[in-house]
Amino acid sequence: MFELVLREQTRTAVALELGLPTHAAHRNGVGSEMKKLVIQSLILLVVNIALSGLVLASVHCTLFRGDPILGAIPVIIALPGILLQPWFIAFCLFTTGPVLLATPLWTTAVSVPVYVLLDRKGKLERAKGLLARIKTRRSLVITSAFGAFLLLVAIARYVDFPAMNRGMPRSLQWALQDVDLKLGSPRYYCLEKWIDSEWIWQARISESKMNTLVVKLRLRSIPLDQIEDQYLSRSPYWWRPVISEQVHAFSTWDFPMDWHGSGGRHVLATWNPTDELLHMWIKDNF
């Protein structure tokens, strides 16, 4: 045993003298590389979780809010990460249930060995050089300016500026198809649509046409104190209902203020005779 220890010490001394790596140094190097790989894998997993969140946000804005411009912004932000990991798209499109929810994990599990192999073969040198150039001050300024532009577009679309949807919400078109309301400056905003849908609508309408609308939608007059903040504080910049003594409020029976409600159409509306401005909140449930 003493001879083995002495022999190992002799080898280490010779290696140090000749500038060669020792067994202990090699073992420490491997451990350091493994630790670095684990940290990089965890960072990549966090990035892929963020990518999944951006994709979900895009789907929600496009399909459930009906705003493809707002829906495009998360995809633009996520695009570099998706292009560098194209298998991410495959996991999103061809998996369901728990497997789909674990897309960030599967994407990371594929990306780590693929990029480790490419790095060992020297296939990433050009990409590393490009990344080094991107880190310049000019590139950071351009990236920051582009990010600020996307943020401004997102805020503008969130408040519906400019208003994109003119006319009448789809939820009311069938119910009012045989009525000539002669609306002024009608515009609407989709809060949600899928199986159930939710809309807000603004238009100018005369008193006689307003009475026709009340009868057609089977609305009843309600006290103004039943109008709550949920009705008043919607996101579009043009949605600014004024509640005053001359304003008339209407509703279907038992309008669900805090939830979707039961099946059928639910309507809450206010109409100001001074400027003939109508505001209407519609919940159309399957």
C-alpha atoms as a PDB file:
ATOM      1  CA  MET A   1       0.000   0.000   0.000  1.00  0.00           C
ATOM      2  CA  PHE A   2       2.826   2.381   0.910  1.00  0.00           C
ATOM      3  CA  GLU A   3       4.482   1.579  -2.432  1.00  0.00           C
ATOM      4  CA  LEU A   4       1.273   2.422  -4.343  1.00  0.00           C
ATOM      5  CA  VAL A   5       0.900   5.775  -2.584  1.00  0.00           C
ATOM      6  CA  LEU A   6       4.585   6.544  -3.176  1.00  0.00           C
ATOM      7  CA  ARG A   7       4.237   5.636  -6.858  1.00  0.00           C
ATOM      8  CA  GLU A   8       1.179   7.899  -7.267  1.00  0.00           C
ATOM      9  CA  GLN A   9       2.968  10.771  -5.564  1.00  0.00           C
ATOM     10  CA  THR A  10       5.999  10.246  -7.824  1.00  0.00           C
ATOM     11  CA  ARG A  11       3.759  10.328 -10.943  1.00  0.00           C
ATOM     12  CA  THR A  12       2.086  13.524  -9.754  1.00  0.00           C
ATOM     13  CA  ALA A  13       5.432  15.193  -9.035  1.00  0.00           C
ATOM     14  CA  VAL A  14       6.784  14.238 -12.479  1.00  0.00           C
ATOM     15  CA  ALA A  15       3.588  15.447 -14.186  1.00  0.00           C
ATOM     16  CA  LEU A  16       3.754  18.778 -12.392  1.00  0.00           C
ATOM     17  CA  GLU A  17       7.400  19.208 -13.262  1.00  0.00           C
ATOM     18  CA  LEU A  18       6.751  18.497 -16.941  1.00  0.00           C
ATOM     19  CA  GLY A  19       3.592  20.643 -17.012  1.00  0.00           C
ATOM     20  CA  LEU A  20       1.331  17.675 -17.728  1.00  0.00           C
ATOM     21  CA  PRO A  21      -2.218  17.326 -16.315  1.00  0.00           C
ATOM     22  CA  THR A  22      -2.435  15.153 -13.245  1.00  0.00           C
ATOM     23  CA  HIS A  23      -5.153  12.576 -12.538  1.00  0.00           C
ATOM     24  CA  ALA A  24      -6.622  14.813  -9.815  1.00  0.00           C
ATOM     25  CA  ALA A  25      -6.594  17.838 -12.106  1.00  0.00           C
ATOM     26  CA  HIS A  26      -8.337  15.812 -14.819  1.00  0.00           C
ATOM     27  CA  ARG A  27     -10.967  14.664 -12.336  1.00  0.00           C
ATOM     28  CA  ASN A  28     -11.523  18.250 -11.166  1.00  0.00           C
ATOM     29  CA  GLY A  29     -11.799  19.412 -14.778  1.00  0.00           C
ATOM     30  CA  VAL A  30     -14.460  16.829 -15.571  1.00  0.00           C
ATOM     31  CA  GLY A  31     -16.398  17.820 -12.463  1.00  0.00           C
ATOM     32  CA  SER A  32     -16.217  21.485 -13.431  1.00  0.00           C
ATOM     33  CA  GLU A  33     -17.459  20.726 -16.944  1.00  0.00           C
ATOM     34  CA  MET A  34     -20.377  18.684 -15.596  1.00  0.00           C
ATOM     35  CA  LYS A  35     -21.343  21.471 -13.192  1.00  0.00           C
ATOM     36  CA  LYS A  36     -21.210  24.000 -16.021  1.00  0.00           C
ATOM     37  CA  LEU A  37     -23.372  21.744 -18.218  1.00  0.00           C
ATOM     38  CA  VAL A  38     -25.973  21.315 -15.476  1.00  0.00           C
ATOM     39  CA  ILE A  39     -26.200  25.088 -14.928  1.00  0.00           C
ATOM     40  CA  GLN A  40     -26.511  25.724 -18.680  1.00  0.00           C
ATOM     41  CA  SER A  41     -29.221  23.052 -18.938  1.00  0.00           C
ATOM     42  CA  LEU A  42     -31.229  24.660 -16.123  1.00  0.00           C
ATOM     43  CA  ILE A  43     -30.918  28.086 -17.768  1.00  0.00           C
ATOM     44  CA  LEU A  44     -32.074  26.610 -21.081  1.00  0.00           C
ATOM     45  CA  LEU A  45     -35.024  24.960 -19.335  1.00  0.00           C
ATOM     46  CA  VAL A  46     -36.076  28.337 -17.924  1.00  0.00           C
ATOM     47  CA  VAL A  47     -35.764  29.880 -21.405  1.00  0.00           C
ATOM     48  CA  ASN A  48     -37.920  27.113 -22.890  1.00  0.00           C
ATOM     49  CA  ILE A  49     -40.555  27.612 -20.198  1.00  0.00           C
ATOM     50  CA  ALA A  50     -40.629  31.281 -21.212  1.00  0.00           C
ATOM     51  CA  LEU A  51     -40.935  30.249 -24.891  1.00  0.00           C
ATOM     52  CA  SER A  52     -43.933  28.072 -24.044  1.00  0.00           C
ATOM     53  CA  GLY A  53     -45.543  30.957 -22.186  1.00  0.00           C
ATOM     54  CA  LEU A  54     -45.046  33.259 -25.170  1.00  0.00           C
ATOM     55  CA  VAL A  55     -46.555  30.708 -27.560  1.00  0.00           C
ATOM     56  CA  LEU A  56     -49.576  30.249 -25.275  1.00  0.00           C
ATOM     57  CA  ALA A  57     -49.998  34.025 -25.087  1.00  0.00           C
ATOM     58  CA  SER A  58     -49.905  34.210 -28.888  1.00  0.00           C
ATOM     59  CA  VAL A  59     -52.556  31.496 -29.253  1.00  0.00           C
ATOM     60  CA  HIS A  60     -54.763  33.190 -26.667  1.00  0.00           C
ATOM     61  CA  CYS A  61     -54.550  36.623 -28.296  1.00  0.00           C
ATOM     62  CA  THR A  62     -55.110  35.275 -31.816  1.00  0.00           C
ATOM     63  CA  LEU A  63     -57.847  32.685 -31.255  1.00  0.00           C
ATOM     64  CA  PHE A  64     -59.540  33.840 -28.060  1.00  0.00           C
ATOM     65  CA  ARG A  65     -59.171  37.629 -28.386  1.00  0.00           C
ATOM     66  CA  GLY A  66     -59.381  37.846 -32.180  1.00  0.00           C
ATOM     67  CA  ASP A  67     -56.342  40.132 -32.481  1.00  0.00           C
ATOM     68  CA  PRO A  68     -53.664  38.626 -34.774  1.00  0.00           C
ATOM     69  CA  ILE A  69     -51.419  41.695 -34.433  1.00  0.00           C
ATOM     70  CA  LEU A  70     -51.312  41.379 -30.648  1.00  0.00           C
ATOM     71  CA  GLY A  71     -50.886  37.628 -31.072  1.00  0.00           C
ATOM     72  CA  ALA A  72     -47.897  38.072 -33.378  1.00  0.00           C
ATOM     73  CA  ILE A  73     -45.832  39.994 -30.816  1.00  0.00           C
ATOM     74  CA  PRO A  74     -45.101  37.054 -28.443  1.00  0.00           C
ATOM     75  CA  VAL A  75     -44.148  34.896 -31.446  1.00  0.00           C
ATOM     76  CA  ILE A  76     -41.718  37.551 -32.711  1.00  0.00           C
ATOM     77  CA  ILE A  77     -40.059  37.629 -29.269  1.00  0.00           C
ATOM     78  CA  ALA A  78     -39.889  33.814 -29.120  1.00  0.00           C
ATOM     79  CA  LEU A  79     -38.789  33.345 -32.743  1.00  0.00           C
ATOM     80  CA  PRO A  80     -34.982  33.173 -32.192  1.00  0.00           C
ATOM     81  CA  GLY A  81     -35.368  30.469 -29.539  1.00  0.00           C
ATOM     82  CA  ILE A  82     -37.792  28.509 -31.718  1.00  0.00           C
ATOM     83  CA  LEU A  83     -35.555  28.678 -34.797  1.00  0.00           C
ATOM     84  CA  LEU A  84     -32.576  27.424 -32.788  1.00  0.00           C
ATOM     85  CA  GLN A  85     -34.697  24.546 -31.449  1.00  0.00           C
ATOM     86  CA  PRO A  86     -37.042  23.529 -34.296  1.00  0.00           C
ATOM     87  CA  TRP A  87     -38.051  20.356 -32.429  1.00  0.00           C
ATOM     88  CA  PHE A  88     -39.936  22.677 -30.082  1.00  0.00           C
ATOM     89  CA  ILE A  89     -42.531  23.097 -32.855  1.00  0.00           C
ATOM     90  CA  ALA A  90     -42.855  19.318 -33.247  1.00  0.00           C
ATOM     91  CA  PHE A  91     -43.531  18.880 -29.524  1.00  0.00           C
ATOM     92  CA  CYS A  92     -46.168  21.638 -29.659  1.00  0.00           C
ATOM     93  CA  LEU A  93     -47.949  20.289 -32.730  1.00  0.00           C
ATOM     94  CA  PHE A  94     -47.792  16.530 -32.285  1.00  0.00           C
ATOM     95  CA  THR A  95     -48.235  16.014 -28.546  1.00  0.00           C
ATOM     96  CA  THR A  96     -51.243  16.305 -26.263  1.00  0.00           C
ATOM     97  CA  GLY A  97     -52.092  16.255 -22.582  1.00  0.00           C
ATOM     98  CA  PRO A  98     -49.268  15.923 -20.051  1.00  0.00           C
ATOM     99  CA  VAL A  99     -46.687  15.425 -22.811  1.00  0.00           C
ATOM    100  CA  LEU A 100     -47.627  18.793 -24.320  1.00  0.00           C
ATOM    101  CA  LEU A 101     -47.383  20.491 -20.927  1.00  0.00           C
ATOM    102  CA  ALA A 102     -43.865  19.094 -20.564  1.00  0.00           C
ATOM    103  CA  THR A 103     -42.749  20.584 -23.909  1.00  0.00           C
ATOM    104  CA  PRO A 104     -40.050  22.788 -22.251  1.00  0.00           C
ATOM    105  CA  LEU A 105     -38.564  19.697 -20.580  1.00  0.00           C
ATOM    106  CA  TRP A 106     -38.532  17.590 -23.760  1.00  0.00           C
ATOM    107  CA  THR A 107     -37.123  20.470 -25.805  1.00  0.00           C
ATOM    108  CA  THR A 108     -34.295  20.959 -23.316  1.00  0.00           C
ATOM    109  CA  ALA A 109     -33.602  17.203 -23.214  1.00  0.00           C
ATOM    110  CA  VAL A 110     -33.080  17.235 -26.985  1.00  0.00           C
ATOM    111  CA  SER A 111     -31.263  20.573 -27.260  1.00  0.00           C
ATOM    112  CA  VAL A 112     -28.548  19.880 -24.656  1.00  0.00           C
ATOM    113  CA  PRO A 113     -27.006  16.736 -26.247  1.00  0.00           C
ATOM    114  CA  VAL A 114     -27.442  18.127 -29.776  1.00  0.00           C
ATOM    115  CA  TYR A 115     -25.555  21.340 -29.024  1.00  0.00           C
ATOM    116  CA  VAL A 116     -22.924  19.574 -26.897  1.00  0.00           C
ATOM    117  CA  LEU A 117     -22.209  17.277 -29.859  1.00  0.00           C
ATOM    118  CA  LEU A 118     -22.102  20.181 -32.321  1.00  0.00           C
ATOM    119  CA  ASP A 119     -19.756  22.114 -30.028  1.00  0.00           C
ATOM    120  CA  ARG A 120     -17.344  19.170 -29.741  1.00  0.00           C
ATOM    121  CA  LYS A 121     -17.256  18.907 -33.519  1.00  0.00           C
ATOM    122  CA  GLY A 122     -16.516  22.605 -33.836  1.00  0.00           C
ATOM    123  CA  LYS A 123     -19.763  23.366 -35.640  1.00  0.00           C
ATOM    124  CA  LEU A 124     -20.673  26.283 -33.385  1.00  0.00           C
ATOM    125  CA  GLU A 125     -17.623  28.497 -33.910  1.00  0.00           C
ATOM    126  CA  ARG A 126     -19.358  30.692 -36.488  1.00  0.00           C
ATOM    127  CA  ALA A 127     -22.402  31.040 -34.221  1.00  0.00           C
ATOM    128  CA  LYS A 128     -20.161  31.985 -31.285  1.00  0.00           C
ATOM    129  CA  GLY A 129     -18.482  34.644 -33.400  1.00  0.00           C
ATOM    130  CA  LEU A 130     -21.856  36.064 -34.441  1.00  0.00           C
ATOM    131  CA  LEU A 131     -22.997  36.124 -30.822  1.00  0.00           C
ATOM    132  CA  ALA A 132     -19.856  37.995 -29.831  1.00  0.00           C
ATOM    133  CA  ARG A 133     -20.603  40.671 -32.453  1.00  0.00           C
ATOM    134  CA  ILE A 134     -24.219  40.978 -31.254  1.00  0.00           C
ATOM    135  CA  LYS A 135     -22.953  41.949 -27.786  1.00  0.00           C
ATOM    136  CA  THR A 136     -21.657  45.283 -29.082  1.00  0.00           C
ATOM    137  CA  ARG A 137     -23.205  48.517 -27.815  1.00  0.00           C
ATOM    138  CA  ARG A 138     -24.766  49.297 -31.192  1.00  0.00           C
ATOM    139  CA  SER A 139     -26.471  45.903 -31.354  1.00  0.00           C
ATOM    140  CA  LEU A 140     -27.774  46.271 -27.813  1.00  0.00           C
ATOM    141  CA  VAL A 141     -29.216  49.704 -28.672  1.00  0.00           C
ATOM    142  CA  ILE A 142     -30.946  48.306 -31.770  1.00  0.00           C
ATOM    143  CA  THR A 143     -32.318  45.347 -29.809  1.00  0.00           C
ATOM    144  CA  SER A 144     -33.573  47.606 -27.030  1.00  0.00           C
ATOM    145  CA  ALA A 145     -35.234  49.955 -29.530  1.00  0.00           C
ATOM    146  CA  PHE A 146     -36.949  47.025 -31.258  1.00  0.00           C
ATOM    147  CA  GLY A 147     -38.131  45.671 -27.897  1.00  0.00           C
ATOM    148  CA  ALA A 148     -39.534  49.081 -26.966  1.00  0.00           C
ATOM    149  CA  PHE A 149     -41.336  49.241 -30.323  1.00  0.00           C
ATOM    150  CA  LEU A 150     -42.941  45.832 -29.728  1.00  0.00           C
ATOM    151  CA  LEU A 151     -43.999  46.924 -26.246  1.00  0.00           C
ATOM    152  CA  LEU A 152     -45.637  50.071 -27.618  1.00  0.00           C
ATOM    153  CA  VAL A 153     -47.474  48.050 -30.281  1.00  0.00           C
ATOM    154  CA  ALA A 154     -48.653  45.578 -27.627  1.00  0.00           C
ATOM    155  CA  ILE A 155     -49.960  48.396 -25.411  1.00  0.00           C
ATOM    156  CA  ALA A 156     -51.675  50.048 -28.384  1.00  0.00           C
ATOM    157  CA  ARG A 157     -53.415  46.835 -29.383  1.00  0.00           C
ATOM    158  CA  TYR A 158     -54.394  46.074 -25.780  1.00  0.00           C
ATOM    159  CA  VAL A 159     -56.299  49.368 -25.645  1.00  0.00           C
ATOM    160  CA  ASP A 160     -57.522  48.806 -29.229  1.00  0.00           C
ATOM    161  CA  PHE A 161     -55.690  51.725 -30.783  1.00  0.00           C
ATOM    162  CA  PRO A 162     -56.538  52.179 -33.534  1.00  0.00           C
ATOM    163  CA  ALA A 163     -59.949  50.492 -33.238  1.00  0.00           C
ATOM    164  CA  MET A 164     -59.918  47.641 -35.739  1.00  0.00           C
ATOM    165  CA  ASN A 165     -63.445  46.227 -35.492  1.00  0.00           C
ATOM    166  CA  ARG A 166     -66.212  48.348 -36.923  1.00  0.00           C
ATOM    167  CA  GLY A 167     -69.902  47.534 -37.012  1.00  0.00           C
ATOM    168  CA  MET A 168     -71.675  45.063 -34.749  1.00  0.00           C
ATOM    169  CA  PRO A 169     -70.297  42.119 -32.742  1.00  0.00           C
ATOM    170  CA  ARG A 170     -70.902  38.723 -34.278  1.00  0.00           C
ATOM    171  CA  SER A 171     -72.932  37.795 -31.200  1.00  0.00           C
ATOM    172  CA  LEU A 172     -75.628  40.353 -32.129  1.00  0.00           C
ATOM    173  CA  GLN A 173     -75.615  40.124 -35.906  1.00  0.00           C
ATOM    174  CA  TRP A 174     -78.002  37.184 -36.115  1.00  0.00           C
ATOM    175  CA  ALA A 175     -80.359  38.508 -33.429  1.00  0.00           C
ATOM    176  CA  LEU A 176     -80.622  41.937 -35.098  1.00  0.00           C
ATOM    177  CA  GLN A 177     -80.351  40.940 -38.744  1.00  0.00           C
ATOM    178  CA  ASP A 178     -83.872  42.122 -39.609  1.00  0.00           C
ATOM    179  CA  VAL A 179     -83.557  45.472 -37.783  1.00  0.00           C
ATOM    180  CA  ASP A 180     -82.280  48.655 -39.422  1.00  0.00           C
ATOM    181  CA  LEU A 181     -80.698  50.455 -36.478  1.00  0.00           C
ATOM    182  CA  LYS A 182     -78.833  53.159 -38.440  1.00  0.00           C
ATOM    183  CA  LEU A 183     -75.833  53.157 -36.107  1.00  0.00           C
ATOM    184  CA  GLY A 184     -73.281  55.948 -35.890  1.00  0.00           C
ATOM    185  CA  SER A 185     -69.548  55.170 -35.470  1.00  0.00           C
ATOM    186  CA  PRO A 186     -70.089  51.593 -34.239  1.00  0.00           C
ATOM    187  CA  ARG A 187     -67.070  49.718 -32.941  1.00  0.00           C
ATOM    188  CA  TYR A 188     -66.597  46.635 -30.812  1.00  0.00           C
ATOM    189  CA  TYR A 189     -63.891  44.765 -28.943  1.00  0.00           C
ATOM    190  CA  CYS A 190     -63.584  41.051 -28.294  1.00  0.00           C
ATOM    191  CA  LEU A 191     -62.834  40.198 -24.674  1.00  0.00           C
ATOM    192  CA  GLU A 192     -62.964  36.466 -25.315  1.00  0.00           C
ATOM    193  CA  LYS A 193     -64.290  34.051 -27.897  1.00  0.00           C
ATOM    194  CA  TRP A 194     -64.248  30.299 -28.281  1.00  0.00           C
ATOM    195  CA  ILE A 195     -67.266  28.204 -27.339  1.00  0.00           C
ATOM    196  CA  ASP A 196     -68.553  31.139 -25.280  1.00  0.00           C
ATOM    197  CA  SER A 197     -67.857  34.711 -26.317  1.00  0.00           C
ATOM    198  CA  GLU A 198     -67.691  38.093 -24.616  1.00  0.00           C
ATOM    199  CA  TRP A 199     -67.771  41.494 -26.289  1.00  0.00           C
ATOM    200  CA  ILE A 200     -68.130  45.210 -25.621  1.00  0.00           C
ATOM    201  CA  TRP A 201     -69.817  47.462 -28.145  1.00  0.00           C
ATOM    202  CA  GLN A 202     -70.164  51.219 -28.603  1.00  0.00           C
ATOM    203  CA  ALA A 203     -72.350  53.063 -31.093  1.00  0.00           C
ATOM    204  CA  ARG A 204     -74.497  56.149 -31.507  1.00  0.00           C
ATOM    205  CA  ILE A 205     -78.186  55.330 -31.800  1.00  0.00           C
ATOM    206  CA  SER A 206     -81.335  57.418 -31.752  1.00  0.00           C
ATOM    207  CA  GLU A 207     -83.963  57.100 -29.018  1.00  0.00           C
ATOM    208  CA  SER A 208     -86.486  55.356 -31.282  1.00  0.00           C
ATOM    209  CA  LYS A 209     -83.909  52.847 -32.480  1.00  0.00           C
ATOM    210  CA  MET A 210     -82.744  52.366 -28.902  1.00  0.00           C
ATOM    211  CA  ASN A 211     -86.286  51.427 -27.920  1.00  0.00           C
ATOM    212  CA  THR A 212     -86.373  48.928 -30.782  1.00  0.00           C
ATOM    213  CA  LEU A 213     -83.075  47.461 -29.601  1.00  0.00           C
ATOM    214  CA  VAL A 214     -84.359  47.122 -26.025  1.00  0.00           C
ATOM    215  CA  VAL A 215     -87.437  45.223 -27.211  1.00  0.00           C
ATOM    216  CA  LYS A 216     -85.509  43.025 -29.627  1.00  0.00           C
ATOM    217  CA  LEU A 217     -82.918  41.958 -27.034  1.00  0.00           C
ATOM    218  CA  ARG A 218     -85.534  41.681 -24.270  1.00  0.00           C
ATOM    219  CA  LEU A 219     -83.795  44.167 -21.999  1.00  0.00           C
ATOM    220  CA  ARG A 220     -85.268  45.676 -18.862  1.00  0.00           C
ATOM    221  CA  SER A 221     -84.528  48.991 -17.222  1.00  0.00           C
ATOM    222  CA  ILE A 222     -82.336  48.791 -14.116  1.00  0.00           C
ATOM    223  CA  PRO A 223     -81.127  51.333 -11.509  1.00  0.00           C
ATOM    224  CA  LEU A 224     -77.782  52.972 -12.209  1.00  0.00           C
ATOM    225  CA  ASP A 225     -76.369  51.744  -8.901  1.00  0.00           C
ATOM    226  CA  GLN A 226     -76.315  48.228 -10.380  1.00  0.00           C
ATOM    227  CA  ILE A 227     -73.598  49.344 -12.805  1.00  0.00           C
ATOM    228  CA  GLU A 228     -70.352  48.166 -11.216  1.00  0.00           C
ATOM    229  CA  ASP A 229     -66.667  48.861 -11.869  1.00  0.00           C
ATOM    230  CA  GLN A 230     -66.288  45.740 -14.018  1.00  0.00           C
ATOM    231  CA  TYR A 231     -68.508  47.412 -16.585  1.00  0.00           C
ATOM    232  CA  LEU A 232     -66.812  50.792 -16.435  1.00  0.00           C
ATOM    233  CA  SER A 233     -63.154  49.722 -16.482  1.00  0.00           C
ATOM    234  CA  ARG A 234     -62.663  47.858 -19.743  1.00  0.00           C
ATOM    235  CA  SER A 235     -59.377  48.132 -21.618  1.00  0.00           C
ATOM    236  CA  PRO A 236     -60.180  49.876 -24.968  1.00  0.00           C
ATOM    237  CA  TYR A 237     -59.315  53.550 -24.962  1.00  0.00           C
ATOM    238  CA  TRP A 238     -62.722  54.422 -26.426  1.00  0.00           C
ATOM    239  CA  TRP A 239     -64.704  52.608 -23.714  1.00  0.00           C
ATOM    240  CA  ARG A 240     -65.552  55.462 -21.329  1.00  0.00           C
ATOM    241  CA  PRO A 241     -69.186  55.087 -20.221  1.00  0.00           C
ATOM    242  CA  VAL A 242     -70.490  58.137 -18.360  1.00  0.00           C
ATOM    243  CA  ILE A 243     -72.846  57.480 -15.464  1.00  0.00           C
ATOM    244  CA  SER A 244     -75.069  60.469 -14.703  1.00  0.00           C
ATOM    245  CA  GLU A 245     -78.691  61.156 -13.821  1.00  0.00           C
ATOM    246  CA  GLN A 246     -79.900  61.317 -17.423  1.00  0.00           C
ATOM    247  CA  VAL A 247     -78.268  58.017 -18.434  1.00  0.00           C
ATOM    248  CA  HIS A 248     -80.509  54.968 -18.881  1.00  0.00           C
ATOM    249  CA  ALA A 249     -79.297  51.490 -17.911  1.00  0.00           C
ATOM    250  CA  PHE A 250     -80.633  48.216 -19.288  1.00  0.00           C
ATOM    251  CA  SER A 251     -79.933  44.562 -18.684  1.00  0.00           C
ATOM    252  CA  THR A 252     -81.144  41.079 -19.383  1.00  0.00           C
ATOM    253  CA  TRP A 253     -82.399  39.274 -16.326  1.00  0.00           C
ATOM    254  CA  ASP A 254     -79.671  38.627 -13.716  1.00  0.00           C
ATOM    255  CA  PHE A 255     -76.617  39.746 -15.737  1.00  0.00           C
ATOM    256  CA  PRO A 256     -73.533  37.764 -14.511  1.00  0.00           C
ATOM    257  CA  MET A 257     -71.120  40.529 -13.576  1.00  0.00           C
ATOM    258  CA  ASP A 258     -68.347  38.342 -12.114  1.00  0.00           C
ATOM    259  CA  TRP A 259     -68.604  35.146 -14.191  1.00  0.00           C
ATOM    260  CA  HIS A 260     -69.658  33.870 -17.605  1.00  0.00           C
ATOM    261  CA  GLY A 261     -73.155  32.987 -16.531  1.00  0.00           C
ATOM    262  CA  SER A 262     -75.534  30.299 -17.717  1.00  0.00           C
ATOM    263  CA  GLY A 263     -76.274  29.450 -21.331  1.00  0.00           C
ATOM    264  CA  GLY A 264     -77.740  32.110 -23.590  1.00  0.00           C
ATOM    265  CA  ARG A 265     -77.118  35.778 -24.246  1.00  0.00           C
ATOM    266  CA  HIS A 266     -76.530  38.208 -21.356  1.00  0.00           C
ATOM    267  CA  VAL A 267     -76.495  41.959 -21.980  1.00  0.00           C
ATOM    268  CA  LEU A 268     -75.722  45.001 -19.829  1.00  0.00           C
ATOM    269  CA  ALA A 269     -76.005  48.426 -21.466  1.00  0.00           C
ATOM    270  CA  THR A 270     -76.111  52.161 -20.815  1.00  0.00           C
ATOM    271  CA  TRP A 271     -77.459  54.840 -23.150  1.00  0.00           C
ATOM    272  CA  ASN A 272     -76.937  58.566 -22.807  1.00  0.00           C
ATOM    273  CA  PRO A 273     -79.709  60.626 -24.445  1.00  0.00           C
ATOM    274  CA  THR A 274     -77.495  63.731 -24.501  1.00  0.00           C
ATOM    275  CA  ASP A 275     -75.071  62.383 -27.109  1.00  0.00           C
ATOM    276  CA  GLU A 276     -77.087  59.209 -28.007  1.00  0.00           C
ATOM    277  CA  LEU A 277     -74.065  57.090 -27.138  1.00  0.00           C
ATOM    278  CA  LEU A 278     -74.672  53.432 -26.367  1.00  0.00           C
ATOM    279  CA  HIS A 279     -72.275  51.182 -24.452  1.00  0.00           C
ATOM    280  CA  MET A 280     -73.050  47.477 -24.283  1.00  0.00           C
ATOM    281  CA  TRP A 281     -71.382  44.488 -22.611  1.00  0.00           C
ATOM    282  CA  ILE A 282     -72.401  41.148 -24.142  1.00  0.00           C
ATOM    283  CA  LYS A 283     -71.821  37.622 -22.864  1.00  0.00           C
ATOM    284  CA  ASP A 284     -72.991  34.978 -25.318  1.00  0.00           C
ATOM    285  CA  ASN A 285     -72.762  31.481 -23.843  1.00  0.00           C
ATOM    286  CA  PHE A 286     -73.307  28.136 -25.523  1.00  0.00           C
END
